[in-house]
Amino acid sequence: MKHKIQTGMLAALFWAVAAVVTCHADACTDEELRRDVLEFLTTRCCGNVEARRVLTNEVRFGGDTNRLACVLSEFAQTNDDQIAEWAMWQLKKYATPAQLPFLYSCATNPVLGKTAVESVLRVEGVTSNSVGLVQAYINITNGNAAVHWDHIYVFQEMINALRDSSGEQERKMAFELILNHAPDNIFCPIQLDRLIISADSSYRQSKRRLSVLRGVLGNGVDEYDIFYVTNAINELVAYPEENLPY
């Protein structure tokens, strides 16, 4: 990524400040806020304790979410991939429109791309720009099983954003993107098929679905999923096929 902060410099900057000061009330300096955010990111708990931790309960940020998001953006640009990833996970919760340029710049980053794209969808919703960002993210990721699962999570986030606020044009763009990539998702076609049906009930009995399922089958779906795919194809063909709506 561009403008990375060296790990040694990062440690010197933030832990030097941490030696003698702590945040009191909501009157944190920027350096104190950075120190406390870094402590939150690097102090890991386990199990349910970790799941219940909330950043805004452990740092004093004066109620200024944009200020907090700016600090998280700084940590997301470090050259320590783990800290950067943890910071981006938090940024997904607290990002504001001010962080959109940074989030857009991360879409093709192999470590941060998925979370950055999900953050954009949460902040901006589904627009021609955010759909293009999802496309860019998918284009740079490879075809292993973990990545295919990541694609489904991003598609889910896009569908959630459509439900929150969307026009017909944005909805069409989003579903066109998903359907274009669905035949290539051979590692988790059942989950993707069910996701699309949950978002568009007309898809269940449609030529669109039949085309996607045939594409998945032709691309080499594994033996675990082949029964589901072939059974769904047979049900659609028996409709009969020529009477299926698009």
Protein backbone atom coordinates (compact mmCIF):
# COMPACT_ATOMS: atom_id res chain seq x y z
CA MET A 1 0.00 0.00 0.00
CA LYS A 2 1.01 3.59 -0.44
CA HIS A 3 2.25 5.78 2.41
CA LYS A 4 2.97 2.95 4.82
CA ILE A 5 4.26 3.79 8.28
CA GLN A 6 7.27 1.75 9.37
CA THR A 7 6.58 -0.51 12.34
CA GLY A 8 9.54 0.75 14.35
CA MET A 9 8.53 4.37 13.87
CA LEU A 10 4.96 3.48 14.81
CA ALA A 11 6.03 1.85 18.05
CA ALA A 12 8.35 4.71 18.98
CA LEU A 13 5.69 7.30 18.28
CA PHE A 14 2.82 5.76 20.17
CA TRP A 15 4.46 3.90 23.06
CA ALA A 16 6.62 6.89 23.98
CA VAL A 17 3.46 8.85 24.52
CA ALA A 18 1.97 5.94 26.48
CA ALA A 19 4.69 6.05 29.14
CA VAL A 20 3.18 8.74 31.34
CA VAL A 21 -0.26 9.81 30.14
CA THR A 22 -3.68 8.29 30.04
CA CYS A 23 -6.97 9.61 28.73
CA HIS A 24 -9.17 11.31 31.27
CA ALA A 25 -12.82 12.17 30.59
CA ASP A 26 -13.16 13.01 26.91
CA ALA A 27 -10.17 15.35 26.72
CA CYS A 28 -7.76 13.07 24.87
CA THR A 29 -5.07 14.48 22.70
CA ASP A 30 -4.64 12.88 19.27
CA GLU A 31 -1.53 11.09 20.54
CA GLU A 32 -3.39 9.67 23.54
CA LEU A 33 -6.23 8.51 21.35
CA ARG A 34 -3.77 6.82 18.98
CA ARG A 35 -2.10 5.09 21.92
CA ASP A 36 -5.37 3.77 23.31
CA VAL A 37 -6.60 2.62 19.91
CA LEU A 38 -3.31 0.80 19.34
CA GLU A 39 -3.60 -0.83 22.76
CA PHE A 40 -7.11 -2.02 21.88
CA LEU A 41 -5.93 -3.41 18.55
CA THR A 42 -2.92 -5.24 19.97
CA THR A 43 -4.37 -6.51 23.29
CA ARG A 44 -6.21 -9.63 22.24
CA CYS A 45 -8.57 -11.55 24.50
CA CYS A 46 -10.06 -14.94 23.86
CA GLY A 47 -13.43 -16.50 23.10
CA ASN A 48 -16.51 -14.64 24.24
CA VAL A 49 -14.48 -11.91 25.92
CA GLU A 50 -12.97 -10.86 22.61
CA ALA A 51 -16.34 -10.99 20.86
CA ARG A 52 -17.88 -8.64 23.43
CA ARG A 53 -15.18 -5.98 23.29
CA VAL A 54 -16.34 -2.65 21.89
CA LEU A 55 -13.77 -0.07 20.83
CA THR A 56 -15.88 2.94 21.79
CA ASN A 57 -16.22 1.56 25.33
CA GLU A 58 -12.46 1.33 25.77
CA VAL A 59 -11.18 4.58 24.26
CA ARG A 60 -12.10 8.19 24.90
CA PHE A 61 -12.86 9.90 21.64
CA GLY A 62 -15.17 12.70 22.75
CA GLY A 63 -18.07 11.27 20.78
CA ASP A 64 -16.31 12.28 17.56
CA THR A 65 -16.68 9.20 15.37
CA ASN A 66 -14.91 10.84 12.46
CA ARG A 67 -11.88 11.53 14.66
CA LEU A 68 -11.85 7.90 15.77
CA ALA A 69 -12.20 6.69 12.17
CA CYS A 70 -9.29 8.90 11.11
CA VAL A 71 -7.06 7.25 13.71
CA LEU A 72 -8.17 3.80 12.58
CA SER A 73 -7.36 4.80 9.00
CA GLU A 74 -3.82 5.67 10.08
CA PHE A 75 -3.32 2.25 11.64
CA ALA A 76 -4.80 0.56 8.58
CA GLN A 77 -1.88 2.04 6.64
CA THR A 78 0.90 0.52 8.75
CA ASN A 79 3.21 -2.08 7.25
CA ASP A 80 2.18 -4.54 9.97
CA ASP A 81 -0.49 -6.56 8.16
CA GLN A 82 -2.09 -7.84 11.37
CA ILE A 83 -2.51 -4.38 12.91
CA ALA A 84 -3.70 -3.02 9.58
CA GLU A 85 -6.29 -5.80 9.30
CA TRP A 86 -7.54 -5.32 12.87
CA ALA A 87 -7.81 -1.58 12.28
CA MET A 88 -9.79 -2.14 9.10
CA TRP A 89 -12.19 -4.48 10.92
CA GLN A 90 -12.92 -1.66 13.35
CA LEU A 91 -13.12 0.89 10.56
CA LYS A 92 -15.90 -1.21 9.06
CA LYS A 93 -17.97 -0.26 12.12
CA TYR A 94 -16.97 3.37 12.48
CA ALA A 95 -16.09 4.69 9.01
CA THR A 96 -17.75 7.91 7.88
CA PRO A 97 -17.95 9.50 4.42
CA ALA A 98 -14.64 11.23 5.17
CA GLN A 99 -12.89 7.85 4.93
CA LEU A 100 -14.34 6.89 1.54
CA PRO A 101 -11.29 7.97 -0.52
CA PHE A 102 -9.04 5.85 1.69
CA LEU A 103 -11.40 2.87 1.61
CA TYR A 104 -11.63 3.06 -2.17
CA SER A 105 -7.84 3.02 -2.38
CA CYS A 106 -7.75 -0.26 -0.42
CA ALA A 107 -10.15 -2.24 -2.60
CA THR A 108 -7.40 -4.04 -4.50
CA ASN A 109 -5.23 -4.67 -1.44
CA PRO A 110 -5.01 -8.46 -0.88
CA VAL A 111 -5.13 -8.10 2.91
CA LEU A 112 -7.65 -5.28 3.35
CA GLY A 113 -9.71 -5.40 0.16
CA LYS A 114 -12.72 -7.39 1.37
CA THR A 115 -13.26 -5.33 4.51
CA ALA A 116 -12.62 -2.07 2.69
CA VAL A 117 -15.28 -2.89 0.08
CA GLU A 118 -17.76 -3.93 2.77
CA SER A 119 -17.07 -0.65 4.58
CA VAL A 120 -17.75 1.36 1.44
CA LEU A 121 -21.07 -0.43 0.94
CA ARG A 122 -22.06 0.34 4.53
CA VAL A 123 -21.15 4.01 4.28
CA GLU A 124 -22.12 4.80 0.68
CA GLY A 125 -24.68 2.12 -0.13
CA VAL A 126 -25.06 0.72 -3.63
CA THR A 127 -24.07 3.27 -6.27
CA SER A 128 -22.47 2.97 -9.68
CA ASN A 129 -19.14 3.74 -7.97
CA SER A 130 -19.49 1.13 -5.22
CA VAL A 131 -20.64 -1.54 -7.69
CA GLY A 132 -17.56 -0.74 -9.76
CA LEU A 133 -15.48 -1.12 -6.61
CA VAL A 134 -16.92 -4.57 -5.94
CA GLN A 135 -16.08 -5.50 -9.53
CA ALA A 136 -12.49 -4.28 -9.10
CA TYR A 137 -12.12 -6.27 -5.88
CA ILE A 138 -13.38 -9.48 -7.49
CA ASN A 139 -11.15 -9.00 -10.52
CA ILE A 140 -7.94 -8.99 -8.46
CA THR A 141 -8.74 -11.95 -6.21
CA ASN A 142 -7.85 -15.49 -7.19
CA GLY A 143 -10.10 -18.51 -7.42
CA ASN A 144 -9.44 -20.51 -4.27
CA ALA A 145 -12.22 -21.58 -1.90
CA ALA A 146 -11.54 -18.95 0.77
CA VAL A 147 -11.76 -16.15 -1.79
CA HIS A 148 -15.03 -17.50 -3.15
CA TRP A 149 -16.44 -17.35 0.36
CA ASP A 150 -15.19 -13.77 0.65
CA HIS A 151 -17.05 -12.94 -2.57
CA ILE A 152 -20.27 -14.26 -1.04
CA TYR A 153 -19.77 -12.10 2.07
CA VAL A 154 -19.26 -9.03 -0.12
CA PHE A 155 -22.35 -9.91 -2.18
CA GLN A 156 -24.31 -10.27 1.06
CA GLU A 157 -23.15 -6.82 2.14
CA MET A 158 -24.20 -5.40 -1.23
CA ILE A 159 -27.64 -7.03 -0.96
CA ASN A 160 -28.02 -5.66 2.57
CA ALA A 161 -27.19 -2.19 1.26
CA LEU A 162 -29.79 -2.62 -1.48
CA ARG A 163 -32.43 -3.37 1.12
CA ASP A 164 -31.55 -0.26 3.08
CA SER A 165 -31.72 2.19 0.19
CA SER A 166 -31.66 1.61 -3.51
CA GLY A 167 -33.11 2.66 -6.80
CA GLU A 168 -34.08 0.30 -9.57
CA GLN A 169 -30.97 1.10 -11.59
CA GLU A 170 -28.64 0.36 -8.67
CA ARG A 171 -30.49 -2.87 -7.94
CA LYS A 172 -30.13 -3.95 -11.57
CA MET A 173 -26.39 -3.19 -11.58
CA ALA A 174 -25.80 -5.10 -8.35
CA PHE A 175 -27.65 -8.22 -9.43
CA GLU A 176 -26.06 -8.15 -12.86
CA LEU A 177 -22.63 -8.19 -11.22
CA ILE A 178 -23.57 -11.07 -8.90
CA LEU A 179 -25.09 -13.15 -11.70
CA ASN A 180 -22.09 -12.54 -13.96
CA HIS A 181 -19.78 -14.02 -11.34
CA ALA A 182 -22.06 -16.72 -9.93
CA PRO A 183 -21.12 -19.39 -12.53
CA ASP A 184 -17.45 -19.08 -11.48
CA ASN A 185 -18.18 -19.68 -7.80
CA ILE A 186 -17.74 -23.45 -7.83
CA PHE A 187 -16.67 -23.80 -4.19
CA CYS A 188 -19.88 -22.59 -2.52
CA PRO A 189 -22.63 -22.54 -5.18
CA ILE A 190 -25.36 -23.68 -2.78
CA GLN A 191 -24.81 -20.73 -0.45
CA LEU A 192 -24.67 -18.25 -3.32
CA ASP A 193 -27.78 -19.69 -4.94
CA ARG A 194 -29.70 -19.41 -1.67
CA LEU A 195 -28.43 -15.89 -1.11
CA ILE A 196 -29.71 -14.73 -4.50
CA ILE A 197 -33.09 -16.43 -3.98
CA SER A 198 -33.43 -14.78 -0.56
CA ALA A 199 -32.93 -11.39 -2.18
CA ASP A 200 -35.08 -12.00 -5.28
CA SER A 201 -37.80 -14.64 -5.03
CA SER A 202 -38.42 -14.48 -8.80
CA TYR A 203 -34.94 -15.93 -9.34
CA ARG A 204 -35.94 -19.40 -8.07
CA GLN A 205 -37.93 -20.25 -11.22
CA SER A 206 -36.09 -18.34 -13.92
CA LYS A 207 -33.90 -18.71 -16.97
CA ARG A 208 -31.30 -16.65 -15.14
CA ARG A 209 -30.93 -19.27 -12.43
CA LEU A 210 -30.85 -22.13 -14.93
CA SER A 211 -28.06 -20.41 -16.87
CA VAL A 212 -26.02 -19.83 -13.70
CA LEU A 213 -26.42 -23.42 -12.48
CA ARG A 214 -25.42 -24.82 -15.86
CA GLY A 215 -22.38 -22.56 -15.79
CA VAL A 216 -21.41 -23.80 -12.34
CA LEU A 217 -21.80 -27.40 -13.45
CA GLY A 218 -19.70 -26.77 -16.55
CA ASN A 219 -16.96 -25.10 -14.53
CA GLY A 220 -16.40 -28.19 -12.39
CA VAL A 221 -18.43 -28.03 -9.19
CA ASP A 222 -17.14 -30.46 -6.54
CA GLU A 223 -18.88 -33.71 -5.60
CA TYR A 224 -20.29 -32.26 -2.38
CA ASP A 225 -22.37 -29.69 -4.28
CA ILE A 226 -23.06 -31.54 -7.52
CA PHE A 227 -26.27 -33.19 -6.29
CA TYR A 228 -27.79 -29.83 -5.32
CA VAL A 229 -26.81 -28.23 -8.62
CA THR A 230 -27.96 -31.07 -10.87
CA ASN A 231 -31.21 -31.50 -8.94
CA ALA A 232 -31.99 -27.79 -9.25
CA ILE A 233 -31.25 -27.90 -12.99
CA ASN A 234 -33.54 -30.91 -13.47
CA GLU A 235 -36.38 -29.19 -11.61
CA LEU A 236 -36.05 -26.07 -13.75
CA VAL A 237 -35.86 -28.01 -17.03
CA ALA A 238 -39.01 -29.91 -16.04
CA TYR A 239 -40.93 -26.66 -15.63
CA PRO A 240 -40.73 -26.86 -18.80
CA GLU A 241 -37.63 -24.82 -19.62
CA GLU A 242 -39.10 -22.81 -22.51
CA ASN A 243 -41.84 -21.47 -20.23
CA LEU A 244 -39.47 -20.19 -17.58
CA PRO A 245 -39.57 -16.41 -17.12
CA TYR A 246 -36.31 -14.58 -17.49
